[in-house]
Amino acid sequence: MKKYITAAVVIILLFAVPFSGAQQQEEQKNASLSLITATPEEGFQLAITLSRKGVTETQPDIEVLKKLRPAYAHDPGSLIAASQVVAIHFQTIAAANDYWRKNR
């Protein structure tokens, strides 16, 4: 159980550190509530944004996130788990876009 909790914390923390408070506010201001994107590339970028947004909503204290980063930044299992979160978001976005087949 401890391993899963640690993995969840790592996933949450992995995506928050690259954002500053100003960047977060700008993204929120420009954010769309739609999963529809023009291309798979835009869909993947949206998946990353959703992952980061989930992190910052869960732990809004950027200083805490920065302080914890060394604990997971070099852990292969944590990095794989974080990639899985992005992949799940991308899978959802791809399905919402009918895998970009209808308009091509």
PDB file of N, CA and C in Angstrom:
ATOM      1  N   MET A   1       0.831  -1.191   0.000  1.00  0.00           N
ATOM      2  CA  MET A   1       0.000   0.000   0.000  1.00  0.00           C
ATOM      3  C   MET A   1       0.877   1.258   0.000  1.00  0.00           C
ATOM      4  N   LYS A   2       1.946   1.234   0.790  1.00  0.00           N
ATOM      5  CA  LYS A   2       2.831   2.397   0.867  1.00  0.00           C
ATOM      6  C   LYS A   2       3.430   2.711  -0.502  1.00  0.00           C
ATOM      7  N   LYS A   3       3.752   1.666  -1.260  1.00  0.00           N
ATOM      8  CA  LYS A   3       4.329   1.846  -2.591  1.00  0.00           C
ATOM      9  C   LYS A   3       3.358   2.590  -3.509  1.00  0.00           C
ATOM     10  N   TYR A   4       2.069   2.249  -3.440  1.00  0.00           N
ATOM     11  CA  TYR A   4       1.072   2.906  -4.281  1.00  0.00           C
ATOM     12  C   TYR A   4       0.852   4.348  -3.876  1.00  0.00           C
ATOM     13  N   ILE A   5       0.877   4.613  -2.585  1.00  0.00           N
ATOM     14  CA  ILE A   5       0.720   5.982  -2.110  1.00  0.00           C
ATOM     15  C   ILE A   5       1.909   6.817  -2.561  1.00  0.00           C
ATOM     16  N   THR A   6       3.102   6.259  -2.440  1.00  0.00           N
ATOM     17  CA  THR A   6       4.299   6.966  -2.882  1.00  0.00           C
ATOM     18  C   THR A   6       4.221   7.252  -4.381  1.00  0.00           C
ATOM     19  N   ALA A   7       3.797   6.270  -5.162  1.00  0.00           N
ATOM     20  CA  ALA A   7       3.682   6.460  -6.604  1.00  0.00           C
ATOM     21  C   ALA A   7       2.664   7.553  -6.931  1.00  0.00           C
ATOM     22  N   ALA A   8       1.555   7.568  -6.225  1.00  0.00           N
ATOM     23  CA  ALA A   8       0.537   8.591  -6.463  1.00  0.00           C
ATOM     24  C   ALA A   8       1.071   9.979  -6.148  1.00  0.00           C
ATOM     25  N   VAL A   9       1.794  10.095  -5.055  1.00  0.00           N
ATOM     26  CA  VAL A   9       2.367  11.389  -4.679  1.00  0.00           C
ATOM     27  C   VAL A   9       3.375  11.839  -5.735  1.00  0.00           C
ATOM     28  N   VAL A  10       4.175  10.924  -6.203  1.00  0.00           N
ATOM     29  CA  VAL A  10       5.175  11.248  -7.217  1.00  0.00           C
ATOM     30  C   VAL A  10       4.508  11.720  -8.497  1.00  0.00           C
ATOM     31  N   ILE A  11       3.457  11.031  -8.902  1.00  0.00           N
ATOM     32  CA  ILE A  11       2.745  11.423 -10.111  1.00  0.00           C
ATOM     33  C   ILE A  11       2.215  12.835  -9.964  1.00  0.00           C
ATOM     34  N   ILE A  12       1.637  13.099  -8.837  1.00  0.00           N
ATOM     35  CA  ILE A  12       1.069  14.417  -8.587  1.00  0.00           C
ATOM     36  C   ILE A  12       2.146  15.485  -8.629  1.00  0.00           C
ATOM     37  N   LEU A  13       3.273  15.203  -8.018  1.00  0.00           N
ATOM     38  CA  LEU A  13       4.322  16.203  -7.908  1.00  0.00           C
ATOM     39  C   LEU A  13       5.112  16.407  -9.189  1.00  0.00           C
ATOM     40  N   LEU A  14       5.219  15.402  -9.991  1.00  0.00           N
ATOM     41  CA  LEU A  14       6.085  15.451 -11.160  1.00  0.00           C
ATOM     42  C   LEU A  14       5.727  16.573 -12.122  1.00  0.00           C
ATOM     43  N   PHE A  15       4.458  16.843 -12.270  1.00  0.00           N
ATOM     44  CA  PHE A  15       4.046  17.801 -13.282  1.00  0.00           C
ATOM     45  C   PHE A  15       3.889  19.218 -12.776  1.00  0.00           C
ATOM     46  N   ALA A  16       3.994  19.454 -11.497  1.00  0.00           N
ATOM     47  CA  ALA A  16       3.723  20.787 -10.968  1.00  0.00           C
ATOM     48  C   ALA A  16       4.929  21.707 -10.992  1.00  0.00           C
ATOM     49  N   VAL A  17       6.095  21.200 -10.805  1.00  0.00           N
ATOM     50  CA  VAL A  17       7.262  22.040 -10.628  1.00  0.00           C
ATOM     51  C   VAL A  17       7.556  22.948 -11.822  1.00  0.00           C
ATOM     52  N   PRO A  18       7.372  22.514 -13.069  1.00  0.00           N
ATOM     53  CA  PRO A  18       7.709  23.398 -14.180  1.00  0.00           C
ATOM     54  C   PRO A  18       6.862  24.662 -14.276  1.00  0.00           C
ATOM     55  N   PHE A  19       5.775  24.759 -13.561  1.00  0.00           N
ATOM     56  CA  PHE A  19       4.886  25.906 -13.660  1.00  0.00           C
ATOM     57  C   PHE A  19       5.158  26.918 -12.572  1.00  0.00           C
ATOM     58  N   SER A  20       5.216  28.176 -12.942  1.00  0.00           N
ATOM     59  CA  SER A  20       5.246  29.243 -11.950  1.00  0.00           C
ATOM     60  C   SER A  20       3.816  29.674 -11.705  1.00  0.00           C
ATOM     61  N   GLY A  21       3.580  30.423 -10.657  1.00  0.00           N
ATOM     62  CA  GLY A  21       2.245  30.907 -10.362  1.00  0.00           C
ATOM     63  C   GLY A  21       1.678  31.730 -11.502  1.00  0.00           C
ATOM     64  N   ALA A  22       2.507  32.576 -12.114  1.00  0.00           N
ATOM     65  CA  ALA A  22       2.050  33.416 -13.219  1.00  0.00           C
ATOM     66  C   ALA A  22       1.662  32.558 -14.422  1.00  0.00           C
ATOM     67  N   GLN A  23       2.451  31.526 -14.701  1.00  0.00           N
ATOM     68  CA  GLN A  23       2.136  30.640 -15.810  1.00  0.00           C
ATOM     69  C   GLN A  23       0.811  29.931 -15.571  1.00  0.00           C
ATOM     70  N   GLN A  24       0.593  29.481 -14.354  1.00  0.00           N
ATOM     71  CA  GLN A  24      -0.653  28.803 -14.019  1.00  0.00           C
ATOM     72  C   GLN A  24      -1.843  29.727 -14.220  1.00  0.00           C
ATOM     73  N   GLN A  25      -1.742  30.944 -13.746  1.00  0.00           N
ATOM     74  CA  GLN A  25      -2.844  31.881 -13.892  1.00  0.00           C
ATOM     75  C   GLN A  25      -3.131  32.165 -15.356  1.00  0.00           C
ATOM     76  N   GLU A  26      -2.084  32.315 -16.154  1.00  0.00           N
ATOM     77  CA  GLU A  26      -2.263  32.568 -17.576  1.00  0.00           C
ATOM     78  C   GLU A  26      -2.931  31.378 -18.250  1.00  0.00           C
ATOM     79  N   GLU A  27      -2.498  30.169 -17.915  1.00  0.00           N
ATOM     80  CA  GLU A  27      -3.107  28.983 -18.497  1.00  0.00           C
ATOM     81  C   GLU A  27      -4.582  28.868 -18.126  1.00  0.00           C
ATOM     82  N   GLN A  28      -4.886  29.137 -16.869  1.00  0.00           N
ATOM     83  CA  GLN A  28      -6.272  29.059 -16.428  1.00  0.00           C
ATOM     84  C   GLN A  28      -7.130  30.078 -17.168  1.00  0.00           C
ATOM     85  N   LYS A  29      -6.589  31.254 -17.384  1.00  0.00           N
ATOM     86  CA  LYS A  29      -7.322  32.307 -18.079  1.00  0.00           C
ATOM     87  C   LYS A  29      -7.608  31.904 -19.522  1.00  0.00           C
ATOM     88  N   ASN A  30      -6.650  31.227 -20.160  1.00  0.00           N
ATOM     89  CA  ASN A  30      -6.788  30.844 -21.560  1.00  0.00           C
ATOM     90  C   ASN A  30      -7.348  29.441 -21.760  1.00  0.00           C
ATOM     91  N   ALA A  31      -7.602  28.741 -20.691  1.00  0.00           N
ATOM     92  CA  ALA A  31      -8.010  27.339 -20.783  1.00  0.00           C
ATOM     93  C   ALA A  31      -9.396  27.201 -21.390  1.00  0.00           C
ATOM     94  N   SER A  32      -9.532  26.168 -22.181  1.00  0.00           N
ATOM     95  CA  SER A  32     -10.813  25.819 -22.757  1.00  0.00           C
ATOM     96  C   SER A  32     -11.392  24.651 -21.972  1.00  0.00           C
ATOM     97  N   LEU A  33     -12.692  24.545 -21.958  1.00  0.00           N
ATOM     98  CA  LEU A  33     -13.334  23.448 -21.254  1.00  0.00           C
ATOM     99  C   LEU A  33     -13.613  22.271 -22.177  1.00  0.00           C
ATOM    100  N   SER A  34     -13.014  22.269 -23.345  1.00  0.00           N
ATOM    101  CA  SER A  34     -13.266  21.236 -24.333  1.00  0.00           C
ATOM    102  C   SER A  34     -12.084  20.282 -24.462  1.00  0.00           C
ATOM    103  N   LEU A  35     -12.402  19.024 -24.731  1.00  0.00           N
ATOM    104  CA  LEU A  35     -11.368  18.040 -25.033  1.00  0.00           C
ATOM    105  C   LEU A  35     -11.107  17.960 -26.535  1.00  0.00           C
ATOM    106  N   ILE A  36     -11.852  18.697 -27.313  1.00  0.00           N
ATOM    107  CA  ILE A  36     -11.726  18.653 -28.773  1.00  0.00           C
ATOM    108  C   ILE A  36     -10.501  19.459 -29.206  1.00  0.00           C
ATOM    109  N   THR A  37      -9.644  18.813 -29.988  1.00  0.00           N
ATOM    110  CA  THR A  37      -8.450  19.467 -30.526  1.00  0.00           C
ATOM    111  C   THR A  37      -8.372  19.197 -32.025  1.00  0.00           C
ATOM    112  N   ALA A  38      -7.642  20.032 -32.718  1.00  0.00           N
ATOM    113  CA  ALA A  38      -7.538  19.909 -34.171  1.00  0.00           C
ATOM    114  C   ALA A  38      -6.645  18.749 -34.603  1.00  0.00           C
ATOM    115  N   THR A  39      -5.623  18.458 -33.819  1.00  0.00           N
ATOM    116  CA  THR A  39      -4.651  17.432 -34.213  1.00  0.00           C
ATOM    117  C   THR A  39      -4.283  16.563 -33.021  1.00  0.00           C
ATOM    118  N   PRO A  40      -3.717  15.404 -33.280  1.00  0.00           N
ATOM    119  CA  PRO A  40      -3.214  14.580 -32.185  1.00  0.00           C
ATOM    120  C   PRO A  40      -2.128  15.290 -31.368  1.00  0.00           C
ATOM    121  N   GLU A  41      -1.315  16.094 -32.022  1.00  0.00           N
ATOM    122  CA  GLU A  41      -0.267  16.821 -31.309  1.00  0.00           C
ATOM    123  C   GLU A  41      -0.870  17.789 -30.287  1.00  0.00           C
ATOM    124  N   GLU A  42      -1.928  18.505 -30.700  1.00  0.00           N
ATOM    125  CA  GLU A  42      -2.616  19.400 -29.766  1.00  0.00           C
ATOM    126  C   GLU A  42      -3.272  18.594 -28.644  1.00  0.00           C
ATOM    127  N   GLY A  43      -3.770  17.425 -28.988  1.00  0.00           N
ATOM    128  CA  GLY A  43      -4.367  16.555 -27.980  1.00  0.00           C
ATOM    129  C   GLY A  43      -3.350  16.108 -26.937  1.00  0.00           C
ATOM    130  N   PHE A  44      -2.144  15.805 -27.391  1.00  0.00           N
ATOM    131  CA  PHE A  44      -1.098  15.388 -26.458  1.00  0.00           C
ATOM    132  C   PHE A  44      -0.699  16.548 -25.541  1.00  0.00           C
ATOM    133  N   GLN A  45      -0.587  17.737 -26.100  1.00  0.00           N
ATOM    134  CA  GLN A  45      -0.266  18.906 -25.270  1.00  0.00           C
ATOM    135  C   GLN A  45      -1.368  19.164 -24.246  1.00  0.00           C
ATOM    136  N   LEU A  46      -2.614  18.947 -24.638  1.00  0.00           N
ATOM    137  CA  LEU A  46      -3.725  19.090 -23.705  1.00  0.00           C
ATOM    138  C   LEU A  46      -3.631  18.043 -22.597  1.00  0.00           C
ATOM    139  N   ALA A  47      -3.226  16.829 -22.936  1.00  0.00           N
ATOM    140  CA  ALA A  47      -3.065  15.774 -21.930  1.00  0.00           C
ATOM    141  C   ALA A  47      -2.016  16.175 -20.893  1.00  0.00           C
ATOM    142  N   ILE A  48      -0.931  16.762 -21.341  1.00  0.00           N
ATOM    143  CA  ILE A  48       0.110  17.233 -20.423  1.00  0.00           C
ATOM    144  C   ILE A  48      -0.437  18.351 -19.538  1.00  0.00           C
ATOM    145  N   THR A  49      -1.162  19.278 -20.145  1.00  0.00           N
ATOM    146  CA  THR A  49      -1.741  20.388 -19.384  1.00  0.00           C
ATOM    147  C   THR A  49      -2.708  19.876 -18.319  1.00  0.00           C
ATOM    148  N   LEU A  50      -3.548  18.915 -18.685  1.00  0.00           N
ATOM    149  CA  LEU A  50      -4.486  18.346 -17.709  1.00  0.00           C
ATOM    150  C   LEU A  50      -3.752  17.673 -16.563  1.00  0.00           C
ATOM    151  N   SER A  51      -2.683  16.980 -16.870  1.00  0.00           N
ATOM    152  CA  SER A  51      -1.897  16.322 -15.823  1.00  0.00           C
ATOM    153  C   SER A  51      -1.300  17.346 -14.867  1.00  0.00           C
ATOM    154  N   ARG A  52      -0.726  18.387 -15.415  1.00  0.00           N
ATOM    155  CA  ARG A  52      -0.140  19.443 -14.584  1.00  0.00           C
ATOM    156  C   ARG A  52      -1.199  20.153 -13.756  1.00  0.00           C
ATOM    157  N   LYS A  53      -2.330  20.413 -14.373  1.00  0.00           N
ATOM    158  CA  LYS A  53      -3.419  21.100 -13.674  1.00  0.00           C
ATOM    159  C   LYS A  53      -3.903  20.254 -12.494  1.00  0.00           C
ATOM    160  N   GLY A  54      -3.980  18.961 -12.680  1.00  0.00           N
ATOM    161  CA  GLY A  54      -4.368  18.074 -11.586  1.00  0.00           C
ATOM    162  C   GLY A  54      -3.400  18.158 -10.421  1.00  0.00           C
ATOM    163  N   VAL A  55      -2.136  18.261 -10.735  1.00  0.00           N
ATOM    164  CA  VAL A  55      -1.112  18.370  -9.698  1.00  0.00           C
ATOM    165  C   VAL A  55      -1.261  19.669  -8.922  1.00  0.00           C
ATOM    166  N   THR A  56      -1.378  20.765  -9.640  1.00  0.00           N
ATOM    167  CA  THR A  56      -1.424  22.060  -8.961  1.00  0.00           C
ATOM    168  C   THR A  56      -2.728  22.267  -8.203  1.00  0.00           C
ATOM    169  N   GLU A  57      -3.778  21.605  -8.616  1.00  0.00           N
ATOM    170  CA  GLU A  57      -5.027  21.671  -7.852  1.00  0.00           C
ATOM    171  C   GLU A  57      -4.907  20.839  -6.573  1.00  0.00           C
ATOM    172  N   THR A  58      -4.184  19.744  -6.665  1.00  0.00           N
ATOM    173  CA  THR A  58      -4.008  18.874  -5.501  1.00  0.00           C
ATOM    174  C   THR A  58      -3.039  19.481  -4.496  1.00  0.00           C
ATOM    175  N   GLN A  59      -1.949  20.076  -4.986  1.00  0.00           N
ATOM    176  CA  GLN A  59      -0.951  20.696  -4.103  1.00  0.00           C
ATOM    177  C   GLN A  59      -0.629  22.080  -4.654  1.00  0.00           C
ATOM    178  N   PRO A  60      -1.351  23.097  -4.227  1.00  0.00           N
ATOM    179  CA  PRO A  60      -1.139  24.437  -4.771  1.00  0.00           C
ATOM    180  C   PRO A  60       0.125  25.141  -4.269  1.00  0.00           C
ATOM    181  N   ASP A  61       0.788  24.608  -3.262  1.00  0.00           N
ATOM    182  CA  ASP A  61       1.988  25.241  -2.714  1.00  0.00           C
ATOM    183  C   ASP A  61       3.204  24.838  -3.543  1.00  0.00           C
ATOM    184  N   ILE A  62       3.627  25.717  -4.432  1.00  0.00           N
ATOM    185  CA  ILE A  62       4.740  25.425  -5.336  1.00  0.00           C
ATOM    186  C   ILE A  62       6.027  25.146  -4.566  1.00  0.00           C
ATOM    187  N   GLU A  63       6.234  25.831  -3.460  1.00  0.00           N
ATOM    188  CA  GLU A  63       7.449  25.601  -2.665  1.00  0.00           C
ATOM    189  C   GLU A  63       7.506  24.172  -2.139  1.00  0.00           C
ATOM    190  N   VAL A  64       6.382  23.634  -1.718  1.00  0.00           N
ATOM    191  CA  VAL A  64       6.337  22.237  -1.263  1.00  0.00           C
ATOM    192  C   VAL A  64       6.686  21.319  -2.417  1.00  0.00           C
ATOM    193  N   LEU A  65       6.129  21.589  -3.583  1.00  0.00           N
ATOM    194  CA  LEU A  65       6.421  20.756  -4.749  1.00  0.00           C
ATOM    195  C   LEU A  65       7.908  20.780  -5.102  1.00  0.00           C
ATOM    196  N   LYS A  66       8.504  21.962  -5.074  1.00  0.00           N
ATOM    197  CA  LYS A  66       9.936  22.079  -5.374  1.00  0.00           C
ATOM    198  C   LYS A  66      10.783  21.340  -4.349  1.00  0.00           C
ATOM    199  N   LYS A  67      10.377  21.413  -3.107  1.00  0.00           N
ATOM    200  CA  LYS A  67      11.131  20.770  -2.033  1.00  0.00           C
ATOM    201  C   LYS A  67      11.107  19.241  -2.162  1.00  0.00           C
ATOM    202  N   LEU A  68       9.993  18.694  -2.651  1.00  0.00           N
ATOM    203  CA  LEU A  68       9.848  17.249  -2.760  1.00  0.00           C
ATOM    204  C   LEU A  68      10.402  16.664  -4.060  1.00  0.00           C
ATOM    205  N   ARG A  69      10.667  17.518  -5.023  1.00  0.00           N
ATOM    206  CA  ARG A  69      11.093  17.026  -6.334  1.00  0.00           C
ATOM    207  C   ARG A  69      12.317  16.097  -6.296  1.00  0.00           C
ATOM    208  N   PRO A  70      13.369  16.385  -5.517  1.00  0.00           N
ATOM    209  CA  PRO A  70      14.523  15.480  -5.516  1.00  0.00           C
ATOM    210  C   PRO A  70      14.189  14.040  -5.129  1.00  0.00           C
ATOM    211  N   ALA A  71      13.120  13.861  -4.382  1.00  0.00           N
ATOM    212  CA  ALA A  71      12.749  12.508  -3.932  1.00  0.00           C
ATOM    213  C   ALA A  71      12.226  11.639  -5.072  1.00  0.00           C
ATOM    214  N   TYR A  72      11.717  12.229  -6.129  1.00  0.00           N
ATOM    215  CA  TYR A  72      11.137  11.434  -7.200  1.00  0.00           C
ATOM    216  C   TYR A  72      11.736  11.689  -8.577  1.00  0.00           C
ATOM    217  N   ALA A  73      12.487  12.739  -8.746  1.00  0.00           N
ATOM    218  CA  ALA A  73      12.961  13.143 -10.069  1.00  0.00           C
ATOM    219  C   ALA A  73      13.862  12.112 -10.745  1.00  0.00           C
ATOM    220  N   HIS A  74      14.542  11.297  -9.966  1.00  0.00           N
ATOM    221  CA  HIS A  74      15.470  10.314 -10.538  1.00  0.00           C
ATOM    222  C   HIS A  74      15.004   8.881 -10.322  1.00  0.00           C
ATOM    223  N   ASP A  75      13.740   8.708  -9.984  1.00  0.00           N
ATOM    224  CA  ASP A  75      13.186   7.377  -9.742  1.00  0.00           C
ATOM    225  C   ASP A  75      12.477   6.893 -11.009  1.00  0.00           C
ATOM    226  N   PRO A  76      13.024   5.889 -11.686  1.00  0.00           N
ATOM    227  CA  PRO A  76      12.421   5.424 -12.940  1.00  0.00           C
ATOM    228  C   PRO A  76      10.951   5.017 -12.781  1.00  0.00           C
ATOM    229  N   GLY A  77      10.614   4.378 -11.692  1.00  0.00           N
ATOM    230  CA  GLY A  77       9.229   3.971 -11.472  1.00  0.00           C
ATOM    231  C   GLY A  77       8.291   5.158 -11.384  1.00  0.00           C
ATOM    232  N   SER A  78       8.756   6.207 -10.744  1.00  0.00           N
ATOM    233  CA  SER A  78       7.942   7.416 -10.630  1.00  0.00           C
ATOM    234  C   SER A  78       7.756   8.091 -11.975  1.00  0.00           C
ATOM    235  N   LEU A  79       8.804   8.117 -12.772  1.00  0.00           N
ATOM    236  CA  LEU A  79       8.714   8.734 -14.088  1.00  0.00           C
ATOM    237  C   LEU A  79       7.783   7.937 -15.003  1.00  0.00           C
ATOM    238  N   ILE A  80       7.838   6.625 -14.909  1.00  0.00           N
ATOM    239  CA  ILE A  80       6.933   5.778 -15.692  1.00  0.00           C
ATOM    240  C   ILE A  80       5.490   6.017 -15.254  1.00  0.00           C
ATOM    241  N   ALA A  81       5.267   6.099 -13.950  1.00  0.00           N
ATOM    242  CA  ALA A  81       3.909   6.341 -13.438  1.00  0.00           C
ATOM    243  C   ALA A  81       3.375   7.686 -13.921  1.00  0.00           C
ATOM    244  N   ALA A  82       4.223   8.687 -13.933  1.00  0.00           N
ATOM    245  CA  ALA A  82       3.801  10.008 -14.415  1.00  0.00           C
ATOM    246  C   ALA A  82       3.442   9.948 -15.897  1.00  0.00           C
ATOM    247  N   SER A  83       4.219   9.202 -16.667  1.00  0.00           N
ATOM    248  CA  SER A  83       3.917   9.042 -18.090  1.00  0.00           C
ATOM    249  C   SER A  83       2.579   8.343 -18.295  1.00  0.00           C
ATOM    250  N   GLN A  84       2.263   7.420 -17.405  1.00  0.00           N
ATOM    251  CA  GLN A  84       0.980   6.727 -17.494  1.00  0.00           C
ATOM    252  C   GLN A  84      -0.187   7.685 -17.293  1.00  0.00           C
ATOM    253  N   VAL A  85      -0.042   8.656 -16.414  1.00  0.00           N
ATOM    254  CA  VAL A  85      -1.099   9.642 -16.194  1.00  0.00           C
ATOM    255  C   VAL A  85      -1.337  10.434 -17.476  1.00  0.00           C
ATOM    256  N   VAL A  86      -0.270  10.872 -18.116  1.00  0.00           N
ATOM    257  CA  VAL A  86      -0.406  11.614 -19.377  1.00  0.00           C
ATOM    258  C   VAL A  86      -1.061  10.710 -20.424  1.00  0.00           C
ATOM    259  N   ALA A  87      -0.644   9.460 -20.491  1.00  0.00           N
ATOM    260  CA  ALA A  87      -1.197   8.533 -21.483  1.00  0.00           C
ATOM    261  C   ALA A  87      -2.696   8.319 -21.286  1.00  0.00           C
ATOM    262  N   ILE A  88      -3.133   8.240 -20.051  1.00  0.00           N
ATOM    263  CA  ILE A  88      -4.566   8.073 -19.777  1.00  0.00           C
ATOM    264  C   ILE A  88      -5.343   9.302 -20.229  1.00  0.00           C
ATOM    265  N   HIS A  89      -4.807  10.474 -19.936  1.00  0.00           N
ATOM    266  CA  HIS A  89      -5.462  11.705 -20.406  1.00  0.00           C
ATOM    267  C   HIS A  89      -5.509  11.730 -21.940  1.00  0.00           C
ATOM    268  N   PHE A  90      -4.399  11.358 -22.583  1.00  0.00           N
ATOM    269  CA  PHE A  90      -4.358  11.375 -24.040  1.00  0.00           C
ATOM    270  C   PHE A  90      -5.349  10.378 -24.625  1.00  0.00           C
ATOM    271  N   GLN A  91      -5.489   9.230 -24.006  1.00  0.00           N
ATOM    272  CA  GLN A  91      -6.448   8.229 -24.462  1.00  0.00           C
ATOM    273  C   GLN A  91      -7.876   8.796 -24.419  1.00  0.00           C
ATOM    274  N   THR A  92      -8.191   9.499 -23.356  1.00  0.00           N
ATOM    275  CA  THR A  92      -9.516  10.110 -23.227  1.00  0.00           C
ATOM    276  C   THR A  92      -9.733  11.171 -24.296  1.00  0.00           C
ATOM    277  N   ILE A  93      -8.727  12.012 -24.500  1.00  0.00           N
ATOM    278  CA  ILE A  93      -8.823  13.082 -25.503  1.00  0.00           C
ATOM    279  C   ILE A  93      -8.936  12.486 -26.906  1.00  0.00           C
ATOM    280  N   ALA A  94      -8.165  11.454 -27.193  1.00  0.00           N
ATOM    281  CA  ALA A  94      -8.226  10.817 -28.512  1.00  0.00           C
ATOM    282  C   ALA A  94      -9.617  10.245 -28.777  1.00  0.00           C
ATOM    283  N   ALA A  95     -10.200   9.624 -27.782  1.00  0.00           N
ATOM    284  CA  ALA A  95     -11.552   9.086 -27.945  1.00  0.00           C
ATOM    285  C   ALA A  95     -12.562  10.215 -28.159  1.00  0.00           C
ATOM    286  N   ALA A  96     -12.406  11.303 -27.422  1.00  0.00           N
ATOM    287  CA  ALA A  96     -13.316  12.447 -27.579  1.00  0.00           C
ATOM    288  C   ALA A  96     -13.212  13.046 -28.978  1.00  0.00           C
ATOM    289  N   ASN A  97     -12.076  12.905 -29.607  1.00  0.00           N
ATOM    290  CA  ASN A  97     -11.852  13.424 -30.955  1.00  0.00           C
ATOM    291  C   ASN A  97     -12.046  12.355 -32.025  1.00  0.00           C
ATOM    292  N   ASP A  98     -12.670  11.268 -31.635  1.00  0.00           N
ATOM    293  CA  ASP A  98     -12.887  10.136 -32.534  1.00  0.00           C
ATOM    294  C   ASP A  98     -11.591   9.770 -33.246  1.00  0.00           C
ATOM    295  N   TYR A  99     -10.516   9.837 -32.482  1.00  0.00           N
ATOM    296  CA  TYR A  99      -9.161   9.489 -32.947  1.00  0.00           C
ATOM    297  C   TYR A  99      -8.765  10.271 -34.196  1.00  0.00           C
ATOM    298  N   TRP A 100      -9.337  11.455 -34.358  1.00  0.00           N
ATOM    299  CA  TRP A 100      -9.001  12.380 -35.439  1.00  0.00           C
ATOM    300  C   TRP A 100      -9.242  11.804 -36.834  1.00  0.00           C
ATOM    301  N   ARG A 101     -10.122  10.841 -36.951  1.00  0.00           N
ATOM    302  CA  ARG A 101     -10.376  10.200 -38.246  1.00  0.00           C
ATOM    303  C   ARG A 101     -11.491  10.858 -39.042  1.00  0.00           C
ATOM    304  N   LYS A 102     -12.505  11.375 -38.396  1.00  0.00           N
ATOM    305  CA  LYS A 102     -13.682  11.845 -39.125  1.00  0.00           C
ATOM    306  C   LYS A 102     -13.382  13.022 -40.044  1.00  0.00           C
ATOM    307  N   ASN A 103     -12.518  13.935 -39.617  1.00  0.00           N
ATOM    308  CA  ASN A 103     -12.251  15.153 -40.391  1.00  0.00           C
ATOM    309  C   ASN A 103     -11.016  15.045 -41.277  1.00  0.00           C
ATOM    310  N   ARG A 104     -10.500  13.891 -41.460  1.00  0.00           N
ATOM    311  CA  ARG A 104      -9.268  13.756 -42.269  1.00  0.00           C
ATOM    312  C   ARG A 104      -9.513  12.956 -43.499  1.00  0.00           C
TER     313      ARG A 104
END
